Structures are given as C-alpha cells and as structure tokens.
Amino acid sequence: MAESLVALRDRREQVISRLSEGYAQDVFDVDELERRLDLAHGARSVAELDALVADLGPTPSTASTAMVLAGPTAIDDPNRADTKKLRVVMSSVERRGRWSVPRALDLRVLWGNAELDFRDASLGPGITTIDVRVFMGNFEVILPPNLAIEVDVSSFAGSVTERHRVPPDADPARPQIRIVGRVAFGNLEITTRLPGETARDAYKREKRERKQLRKAEHKALPPGGGV
C-alpha cells in the first residue's frame, strides 16, 4: 500500500508539472488549467492522472524524470553566498527569473516594497532562511507549487497573509524556505503561482479551486437520514 501511495504522489507531481508547462506554452487557457489541476488533486489512481495529460503527447520514460526535475530542486552551487543583507529604504526591490538565493538572507524593508519570486530561483540544499523586518512597507513572496515553506513571523499593526500551496509531505531531498522575523505597520504576503502565471491568473485559479473544494466536500458528506 505504501508503494502505491508513493507512486500516486510522484505521478501527481509529474502531472501538475506537465500541466503547468502546457499552460506556460499556451497549450490551453487558465480556466482549462484550473479544471485539470482540480482533477489532478482529487485523483485517486495513476490512470486518472494519466488521462489529464493524454492529449499533450506521449510521455517517454526519460520525460518522467525531466518533469520531476522541473520542480524546485536543490542546487549545490559552490559560489552561493552563505549570508547576504538586503536593505530596502523608501524604494522597491524585485528578484525574479533565474537568481541565486543565499543560504541566509537578512532583509529589512523600511517604507518600501520588496518582491522575491522563487519560481525560477536557484536554491541550495536544506533550509534557506529569510530573516525579515518590515516597517511601514510590503514584502511579497511568490512560490512555485511544490516548494515547502515554514513561516514564523509576528506582526504588530500589520498583516501576514499566507495563500500558498505547501506540499503535503515535505521531501528532505528538496529545498525549503523558512521565513522568520517581524512585520510592523506593514504587510507580508506569500502566494503560489504557476510558471508564467500572473497575479490575476493566480487569483482566478485560487477562486476556482476553493469553489471546487466546497463542491467536493459537499459530495463527500454522508446522506442524511433519521436514526
């Protein structure tokens, strides 16, 4: 039974990655992506998952490994910085695309805005720690679907919003983000986006997912009846 559950989990990750690639390549629109992702998360067999990508072409044996590697994979870069400081004062800083994340990042945001997009970032093995202090500013974190994250941030007259998709079973072989610190009179927002997905598309997808989840929960309720 354990082997079947592992196979189902691995195949689900592969299918989600392939669907994300199809969306990024304009094979289908965001509504179709949302529909297939809903079905992928609710699938109970490998056959159900295979059916969701059957029209995307044959999947050779070598492609399966490539799809798994398309997710967040640790990269042991000897040139990666152990620690780095980032100061944002009355300004704006963005890190997008392919960028190397230090093992530990000390971030301070004062009357400014910072955005860290980890979808194509290079992450080292194990836990990458971000120690953040936000005062009257905003800090946005964008994650790929399968990147595990731990958040231990306090707030004072501010907000910490988590709208991300955390893997149900953290894989020790994959990188992980840990955010610690404090937000005062500011905002910290953590969201999950697919490759190439805009904030608007992510909002629409999340709205559809919540709707589908409510439907699934309603269907899962036992039929009513007297005792």
Protein backbone atom coordinates (compact mmCIF):
# COMPACT_ATOMS: atom_id res chain seq x y z
CA MET A 1 0.00 0.00 0.00
CA ALA A 2 2.84 2.39 0.87
CA GLU A 3 4.43 1.87 -2.54
CA SER A 4 1.11 2.65 -4.26
CA LEU A 5 0.71 5.88 -2.30
CA VAL A 6 4.26 6.91 -3.15
CA ALA A 7 3.69 6.15 -6.84
CA LEU A 8 0.46 8.15 -6.80
CA ARG A 9 2.15 11.11 -5.10
CA ASP A 10 5.07 11.11 -7.53
CA ARG A 11 2.80 10.81 -10.56
CA ARG A 12 0.60 13.63 -9.26
CA GLU A 13 3.64 15.93 -9.03
CA GLN A 14 4.70 14.95 -12.56
CA VAL A 15 1.24 15.64 -13.99
CA ILE A 16 0.95 19.00 -12.20
CA SER A 17 4.36 20.00 -13.53
CA ARG A 18 3.42 18.96 -17.05
CA LEU A 19 0.12 20.82 -16.89
CA SER A 20 1.99 23.92 -15.73
CA GLU A 21 4.36 23.61 -18.67
CA GLY A 22 1.40 23.26 -21.04
CA TYR A 23 -0.15 26.44 -19.67
CA ALA A 24 3.16 28.30 -19.94
CA GLN A 25 3.37 27.19 -23.59
CA ASP A 26 -0.22 28.40 -24.30
CA VAL A 27 -1.50 24.89 -24.98
CA PHE A 28 -4.65 25.79 -23.03
CA ASP A 29 -6.02 28.76 -21.11
CA VAL A 30 -6.12 29.36 -17.36
CA ASP A 31 -9.68 28.04 -16.98
CA GLU A 32 -8.71 24.69 -18.50
CA LEU A 33 -5.59 24.64 -16.35
CA GLU A 34 -7.67 25.18 -13.23
CA ARG A 35 -10.08 22.41 -14.23
CA ARG A 36 -7.27 19.91 -14.77
CA LEU A 37 -5.48 20.90 -11.59
CA ASP A 38 -8.68 20.33 -9.62
CA LEU A 39 -8.97 16.87 -11.12
CA ALA A 40 -5.29 16.15 -10.50
CA HIS A 41 -5.52 16.97 -6.81
CA GLY A 42 -8.65 14.85 -6.46
CA ALA A 43 -7.38 11.87 -8.48
CA ARG A 44 -7.22 8.55 -6.64
CA SER A 45 -5.36 6.50 -9.24
CA VAL A 46 -2.44 6.82 -11.63
CA ALA A 47 -4.82 6.12 -14.52
CA GLU A 48 -6.92 9.17 -13.64
CA LEU A 49 -3.78 11.31 -13.59
CA ASP A 50 -2.51 9.92 -16.91
CA ALA A 51 -5.82 10.83 -18.55
CA LEU A 52 -5.28 14.50 -17.71
CA VAL A 53 -2.14 14.73 -19.87
CA ALA A 54 -3.02 12.14 -22.52
CA ASP A 55 -3.72 14.84 -25.11
CA LEU A 56 -0.36 16.53 -24.50
CA GLY A 57 1.51 13.84 -26.39
CA PRO A 58 3.29 10.62 -25.42
CA THR A 59 5.49 10.59 -22.35
CA PRO A 60 8.70 8.65 -22.89
CA SER A 61 10.41 7.10 -19.88
CA THR A 62 13.10 9.79 -19.86
CA ALA A 63 10.49 12.54 -19.79
CA SER A 64 9.17 11.47 -16.39
CA THR A 65 12.44 12.29 -14.72
CA ALA A 66 12.61 15.61 -16.53
CA MET A 67 9.19 16.59 -15.26
CA VAL A 68 10.15 15.84 -11.67
CA LEU A 69 13.33 17.89 -12.03
CA ALA A 70 11.25 20.77 -13.40
CA GLY A 71 10.08 21.40 -9.85
CA PRO A 72 12.14 23.12 -7.14
CA THR A 73 15.35 21.09 -6.94
CA ALA A 74 18.29 21.85 -4.68
CA ILE A 75 21.42 23.03 -6.50
CA ASP A 76 24.75 22.67 -4.71
CA ASP A 77 26.44 25.80 -6.07
CA PRO A 78 29.95 26.40 -4.62
CA ASN A 79 29.59 30.09 -5.49
CA ARG A 80 26.39 30.52 -3.50
CA ALA A 81 26.68 33.15 -0.75
CA ASP A 82 26.26 31.88 2.80
CA THR A 83 24.71 35.13 4.01
CA LYS A 84 23.58 38.33 2.38
CA LYS A 85 21.97 41.57 3.51
CA LEU A 86 19.25 43.33 1.54
CA ARG A 87 18.08 46.79 2.57
CA VAL A 88 15.02 48.43 1.01
CA VAL A 89 14.54 52.01 2.24
CA MET A 90 11.95 54.23 0.57
CA SER A 91 12.42 52.23 -2.63
CA SER A 92 11.46 48.99 -4.38
CA VAL A 93 13.44 45.79 -4.98
CA GLU A 94 12.42 42.78 -7.10
CA ARG A 95 14.14 39.44 -7.59
CA ARG A 96 12.64 37.47 -10.47
CA GLY A 97 13.70 34.92 -13.03
CA ARG A 98 16.90 32.97 -12.51
CA TRP A 99 18.67 34.30 -9.42
CA SER A 100 20.87 32.67 -6.80
CA VAL A 101 19.39 32.67 -3.30
CA PRO A 102 21.90 32.84 -0.42
CA ARG A 103 21.72 30.29 2.35
CA ALA A 104 20.58 33.05 4.70
CA LEU A 105 19.08 36.39 3.71
CA ASP A 106 18.79 39.32 6.12
CA LEU A 107 16.04 41.54 4.69
CA ARG A 108 14.98 44.94 6.01
CA VAL A 109 12.12 46.89 4.42
CA LEU A 110 11.53 50.45 5.60
CA TRP A 111 8.87 52.49 3.77
CA GLY A 112 9.44 50.37 0.70
CA ASN A 113 8.44 47.27 -1.23
CA ALA A 114 10.29 44.00 -1.76
CA GLU A 115 9.30 41.10 -4.02
CA LEU A 116 11.11 37.75 -4.07
CA ASP A 117 9.97 35.34 -6.79
CA PHE A 118 11.29 31.81 -6.20
CA ARG A 119 9.68 30.11 -9.21
CA ASP A 120 12.92 30.07 -11.22
CA ALA A 121 15.36 30.79 -8.40
CA SER A 122 18.41 28.66 -7.61
CA LEU A 123 18.06 27.27 -4.08
CA GLY A 124 20.65 25.35 -2.09
CA PRO A 125 20.04 22.03 -0.31
CA GLY A 126 18.22 22.04 3.01
CA ILE A 127 16.62 25.10 4.56
CA THR A 128 17.08 28.61 3.22
CA THR A 129 16.34 31.17 5.95
CA ILE A 130 14.97 34.65 5.36
CA ASP A 131 15.11 36.90 8.43
CA VAL A 132 12.81 39.81 7.66
CA ARG A 133 11.94 43.07 9.38
CA VAL A 134 9.22 45.11 7.69
CA PHE A 135 8.26 48.56 8.98
CA MET A 136 5.62 50.52 7.09
CA GLY A 137 6.37 48.55 3.93
CA ASN A 138 5.38 45.48 1.94
CA PHE A 139 7.09 42.16 1.34
CA GLU A 140 5.72 39.74 -1.28
CA VAL A 141 6.93 36.15 -1.66
CA ILE A 142 6.00 34.11 -4.75
CA LEU A 143 6.48 30.33 -4.62
CA PRO A 144 6.24 27.51 -7.16
CA PRO A 145 3.60 24.89 -6.26
CA ASN A 146 5.91 22.27 -4.74
CA LEU A 147 8.26 24.40 -2.66
CA ALA A 148 7.83 23.76 1.07
CA ILE A 149 7.83 26.78 3.36
CA GLU A 150 7.73 27.46 7.10
CA VAL A 151 6.61 30.87 8.36
CA ASP A 152 7.32 32.14 11.89
CA VAL A 153 6.66 35.87 11.63
CA SER A 154 4.98 38.05 14.23
CA SER A 155 3.04 41.19 13.36
CA PHE A 156 2.17 44.44 15.09
CA ALA A 157 -0.49 46.59 13.44
CA GLY A 158 0.32 44.70 10.25
CA SER A 159 -0.74 41.60 8.36
CA VAL A 160 0.83 38.27 7.41
CA THR A 161 -1.14 36.56 4.65
CA GLU A 162 -0.35 33.01 3.50
CA ARG A 163 -2.11 31.84 0.35
CA HIS A 164 0.39 29.26 -0.78
CA ARG A 165 0.22 25.57 -1.62
CA VAL A 166 2.52 23.60 0.68
CA PRO A 167 3.41 20.02 -0.31
CA PRO A 168 1.51 17.56 1.93
CA ASP A 169 4.70 15.56 2.55
CA ALA A 170 7.90 17.59 2.75
CA ASP A 171 10.68 15.94 0.78
CA PRO A 172 14.04 16.24 2.58
CA ALA A 173 15.81 15.95 -0.78
CA ARG A 174 14.22 19.20 -1.95
CA PRO A 175 14.91 22.75 -0.76
CA GLN A 176 12.76 24.50 1.80
CA ILE A 177 12.18 28.16 2.66
CA ARG A 178 11.94 29.37 6.25
CA ILE A 179 10.81 32.94 6.92
CA VAL A 180 11.25 34.41 10.40
CA GLY A 181 11.03 37.93 11.76
CA ARG A 182 8.51 40.69 12.37
CA VAL A 183 6.12 42.95 10.48
CA ALA A 184 5.08 46.30 11.97
CA PHE A 185 2.64 48.63 10.21
CA GLY A 186 3.23 46.67 7.01
CA ASN A 187 2.32 43.57 5.06
CA LEU A 188 3.80 40.17 4.26
CA GLU A 189 2.04 38.16 1.57
CA ILE A 190 3.02 34.64 0.47
CA THR A 191 1.37 33.17 -2.61
CA THR A 192 1.81 30.27 -5.01
CA ARG A 193 1.89 30.85 -8.75
CA LEU A 194 2.47 28.54 -11.66
CA PRO A 195 5.23 29.19 -14.21
CA GLY A 196 4.35 32.24 -16.27
CA GLU A 197 1.23 32.91 -14.21
CA THR A 198 0.28 36.49 -13.40
CA ALA A 199 -1.25 37.65 -10.12
CA ARG A 200 -4.64 37.96 -11.83
CA ASP A 201 -4.48 34.44 -13.23
CA ALA A 202 -3.43 33.09 -9.81
CA TYR A 203 -6.40 34.82 -8.19
CA LYS A 204 -8.80 33.27 -10.68
CA ARG A 205 -7.26 29.83 -10.20
CA GLU A 206 -7.45 30.04 -6.40
CA LYS A 207 -11.07 31.15 -6.59
CA ARG A 208 -11.91 28.19 -8.81
CA GLU A 209 -10.03 25.81 -6.50
CA ARG A 210 -11.96 27.00 -3.46
CA LYS A 211 -15.22 26.53 -5.32
CA GLN A 212 -14.29 23.03 -6.44
CA LEU A 213 -13.15 22.14 -2.91
CA ARG A 214 -16.50 23.20 -1.47
CA LYS A 215 -18.27 21.05 -4.05
CA ALA A 216 -16.04 18.07 -3.27
CA GLU A 217 -16.64 18.44 0.47
CA HIS A 218 -20.38 18.65 -0.10
CA LYS A 219 -20.35 15.47 -2.20
CA ALA A 220 -18.26 13.69 0.45
CA LEU A 221 -20.86 14.27 3.19
CA PRO A 222 -22.83 11.15 4.14
CA PRO A 223 -26.50 11.11 3.12
CA GLY A 224 -28.86 12.43 5.75
CA GLY A 225 -31.43 10.32 7.46
CA GLY A 226 -33.07 9.60 10.74
CA VAL A 227 -31.55 7.33 13.33
